[in-house]
Amino acid sequence: MQARLYHLHDEAGTTALGAALARVLIPGLCLHLNGTLGAGKTALTRAILHAAGHTGRVKSPTYNLVEIYPLQLEGETISLFHFDLYRMQNPEEFMEAGFREHFDGHNICIVEWPEKGEPLLPAADLNLALTLAGDGREVKLAALSVQGHQCLARLKFAPNL
């Protein structure tokens, strides 16, 4: 497993990491975002989406469970599915909602609170663990698949020190 650890001092650091991640997205990628409430999962997703070209509002899918964003990536239109499984009571709800069909090797799926969907949630290509650290946060990125390793190898990011 390949991993990187970054300390982000402020919101600008989160935005910069999101922009760097947007540059390495590939169709079919699945990202799991782990962290407590307020750790920055939705802020990071918002930064990824805006850097990938989405110009509209990015809201937390806490109540809807999923928000869908069309993006242009590598010359084609793909869908980025932003899941928030916080309100799920058991993994079967993930299956009953029909969410698994979106993990099709073409869409990009970002999942907040992935532990709520395990073991039925498809495995992550990249796992991002966000923790609060002083005034900022730490983010550990771990590549868990060939696609995840490709993304991490291409990721160019140096947080402001």
Protein backbone atom coordinates (compact mmCIF):
# COMPACT_ATOMS: atom_id res chain seq x y z
CA MET A 1 0.00 0.00 0.00
CA GLN A 2 1.35 3.38 -1.03
CA ALA A 3 0.44 6.28 1.28
CA ARG A 4 1.12 9.97 1.78
CA LEU A 5 0.45 12.18 4.78
CA TYR A 6 -0.16 15.93 4.53
CA HIS A 7 -0.79 18.62 7.11
CA LEU A 8 -3.20 21.25 5.80
CA HIS A 9 -2.94 24.45 7.79
CA ASP A 10 -6.21 26.01 6.65
CA GLU A 11 -9.11 25.93 4.19
CA ALA A 12 -6.77 27.07 1.41
CA GLY A 13 -4.72 23.91 1.94
CA THR A 14 -7.86 21.78 1.61
CA THR A 15 -8.80 23.63 -1.58
CA ALA A 16 -5.30 23.13 -3.00
CA LEU A 17 -5.36 19.40 -2.22
CA GLY A 18 -8.78 19.12 -3.86
CA ALA A 19 -7.44 20.84 -6.98
CA ALA A 20 -4.46 18.49 -7.09
CA LEU A 21 -6.75 15.47 -6.73
CA ALA A 22 -9.04 16.76 -9.50
CA ARG A 23 -6.06 16.73 -11.89
CA VAL A 24 -5.48 12.99 -11.33
CA LEU A 25 -9.09 11.73 -11.46
CA ILE A 26 -9.72 8.84 -13.83
CA PRO A 27 -13.05 7.30 -14.84
CA GLY A 28 -14.14 4.52 -12.51
CA LEU A 29 -12.23 5.84 -9.50
CA CYS A 30 -13.69 5.27 -6.02
CA LEU A 31 -12.56 7.46 -3.13
CA HIS A 32 -13.50 6.76 0.49
CA LEU A 33 -13.36 9.76 2.83
CA ASN A 34 -13.01 8.91 6.51
CA GLY A 35 -13.11 11.37 9.39
CA THR A 36 -15.20 12.76 12.19
CA LEU A 37 -17.89 15.40 11.77
CA GLY A 38 -16.23 18.64 10.73
CA ALA A 39 -12.99 17.00 9.58
CA GLY A 40 -13.36 18.47 6.07
CA LYS A 41 -14.75 15.63 3.96
CA THR A 42 -17.37 17.76 2.20
CA ALA A 43 -14.99 20.72 1.88
CA LEU A 44 -12.45 18.48 0.13
CA THR A 45 -15.13 17.06 -2.18
CA ARG A 46 -16.31 20.59 -3.00
CA ALA A 47 -12.73 21.57 -3.88
CA ILE A 48 -12.34 18.51 -6.12
CA LEU A 49 -15.59 19.26 -7.95
CA HIS A 50 -14.87 22.95 -8.49
CA ALA A 51 -11.34 22.22 -9.72
CA ALA A 52 -12.77 19.56 -12.06
CA GLY A 53 -15.00 22.19 -13.66
CA HIS A 54 -18.29 22.11 -11.75
CA THR A 55 -19.45 25.70 -11.42
CA GLY A 56 -22.62 25.26 -9.39
CA ARG A 57 -23.28 24.77 -5.71
CA VAL A 58 -21.88 21.68 -4.00
CA LYS A 59 -23.95 20.70 -1.01
CA SER A 60 -23.50 17.95 1.50
CA PRO A 61 -25.62 14.94 0.53
CA THR A 62 -26.31 14.12 4.20
CA TYR A 63 -30.09 14.08 3.79
CA ASN A 64 -30.30 12.94 0.15
CA LEU A 65 -27.49 10.38 0.62
CA VAL A 66 -26.16 11.15 -2.89
CA GLU A 67 -25.61 14.15 -5.17
CA ILE A 68 -24.70 13.66 -8.83
CA TYR A 69 -22.46 16.00 -10.83
CA PRO A 70 -21.76 15.72 -14.59
CA LEU A 71 -18.11 16.44 -15.43
CA GLN A 72 -15.96 16.56 -18.55
CA LEU A 73 -13.00 14.27 -18.02
CA GLU A 74 -10.54 13.15 -20.65
CA GLY A 75 -12.88 14.42 -23.38
CA GLU A 76 -15.98 12.60 -22.22
CA THR A 77 -18.88 13.33 -19.93
CA ILE A 78 -18.87 11.25 -16.78
CA SER A 79 -20.86 11.42 -13.58
CA LEU A 80 -19.31 12.03 -10.20
CA PHE A 81 -21.46 10.57 -7.43
CA HIS A 82 -20.95 12.14 -4.00
CA PHE A 83 -22.33 9.81 -1.33
CA ASP A 84 -22.78 10.60 2.35
CA LEU A 85 -23.72 7.43 4.22
CA TYR A 86 -23.79 9.05 7.69
CA ARG A 87 -27.54 8.53 8.16
CA MET A 88 -27.58 4.90 7.04
CA GLN A 89 -28.50 2.48 9.81
CA ASN A 90 -27.08 -0.66 8.16
CA PRO A 91 -25.19 -1.66 4.99
CA GLU A 92 -28.29 -3.23 3.45
CA GLU A 93 -29.73 0.28 2.99
CA PHE A 94 -26.88 0.91 0.54
CA MET A 95 -27.98 -2.06 -1.55
CA GLU A 96 -31.70 -1.32 -1.25
CA ALA A 97 -31.13 2.24 -2.51
CA GLY A 98 -29.53 0.82 -5.67
CA PHE A 99 -26.28 2.69 -5.08
CA ARG A 100 -23.99 -0.19 -6.00
CA GLU A 101 -24.92 0.14 -9.70
CA HIS A 102 -23.17 3.53 -9.82
CA PHE A 103 -19.81 1.87 -9.08
CA ASP A 104 -19.56 0.72 -12.69
CA GLY A 105 -15.96 1.37 -13.67
CA HIS A 106 -16.98 4.55 -15.54
CA ASN A 107 -18.43 6.89 -12.89
CA ILE A 108 -16.32 8.48 -10.19
CA CYS A 109 -17.66 7.81 -6.69
CA ILE A 110 -16.67 9.75 -3.59
CA VAL A 111 -18.04 8.24 -0.39
CA GLU A 112 -18.19 9.96 2.99
CA TRP A 113 -18.69 7.65 5.99
CA PRO A 114 -17.83 4.50 4.01
CA GLU A 115 -17.82 2.37 7.16
CA LYS A 116 -21.63 2.67 7.20
CA GLY A 117 -21.79 0.72 3.91
CA GLU A 118 -19.23 -1.98 4.70
CA PRO A 119 -18.93 -4.79 3.79
CA LEU A 120 -21.35 -4.21 0.88
CA LEU A 121 -19.73 -0.98 -0.35
CA PRO A 122 -17.27 -1.50 -3.23
CA ALA A 123 -13.62 -1.20 -2.23
CA ALA A 124 -11.83 2.13 -2.49
CA ASP A 125 -9.09 2.90 -4.98
CA LEU A 126 -7.99 5.76 -2.74
CA ASN A 127 -8.75 6.05 0.94
CA LEU A 128 -8.47 9.50 2.48
CA ALA A 129 -8.44 9.76 6.27
CA LEU A 130 -8.99 13.30 7.54
CA THR A 131 -8.31 14.26 11.15
CA LEU A 132 -8.41 17.62 12.88
CA ALA A 133 -4.95 18.76 13.96
CA GLY A 134 -4.71 22.06 15.80
CA ASP A 135 -6.09 24.82 13.56
CA GLY A 136 -5.77 22.62 10.47
CA ARG A 137 -6.14 18.99 9.54
CA GLU A 138 -4.07 16.02 8.55
CA VAL A 139 -4.93 13.96 5.51
CA LYS A 140 -3.56 10.50 4.87
CA LEU A 141 -4.02 9.27 1.31
CA ALA A 142 -3.65 5.53 0.79
CA ALA A 143 -3.69 3.84 -2.62
CA LEU A 144 -5.52 0.51 -2.46
CA SER A 145 -5.70 -0.54 -6.13
CA VAL A 146 -3.82 -0.20 -9.42
CA GLN A 147 -5.93 2.89 -10.27
CA GLY A 148 -5.29 4.34 -6.82
CA HIS A 149 -1.54 3.83 -7.22
CA GLN A 150 -1.68 5.52 -10.64
CA CYS A 151 -3.45 8.53 -9.16
CA LEU A 152 -1.14 8.82 -6.19
CA ALA A 153 1.94 8.50 -8.43
CA ARG A 154 0.69 11.41 -10.59
CA LEU A 155 -0.43 13.57 -7.64
CA LYS A 156 1.62 16.75 -7.41
CA PHE A 157 0.87 18.52 -4.16
CA ALA A 158 2.99 20.44 -1.69
CA PRO A 159 1.01 22.10 1.12
CA ASN A 160 2.00 25.59 2.20
CA LEU A 161 4.35 25.32 5.14
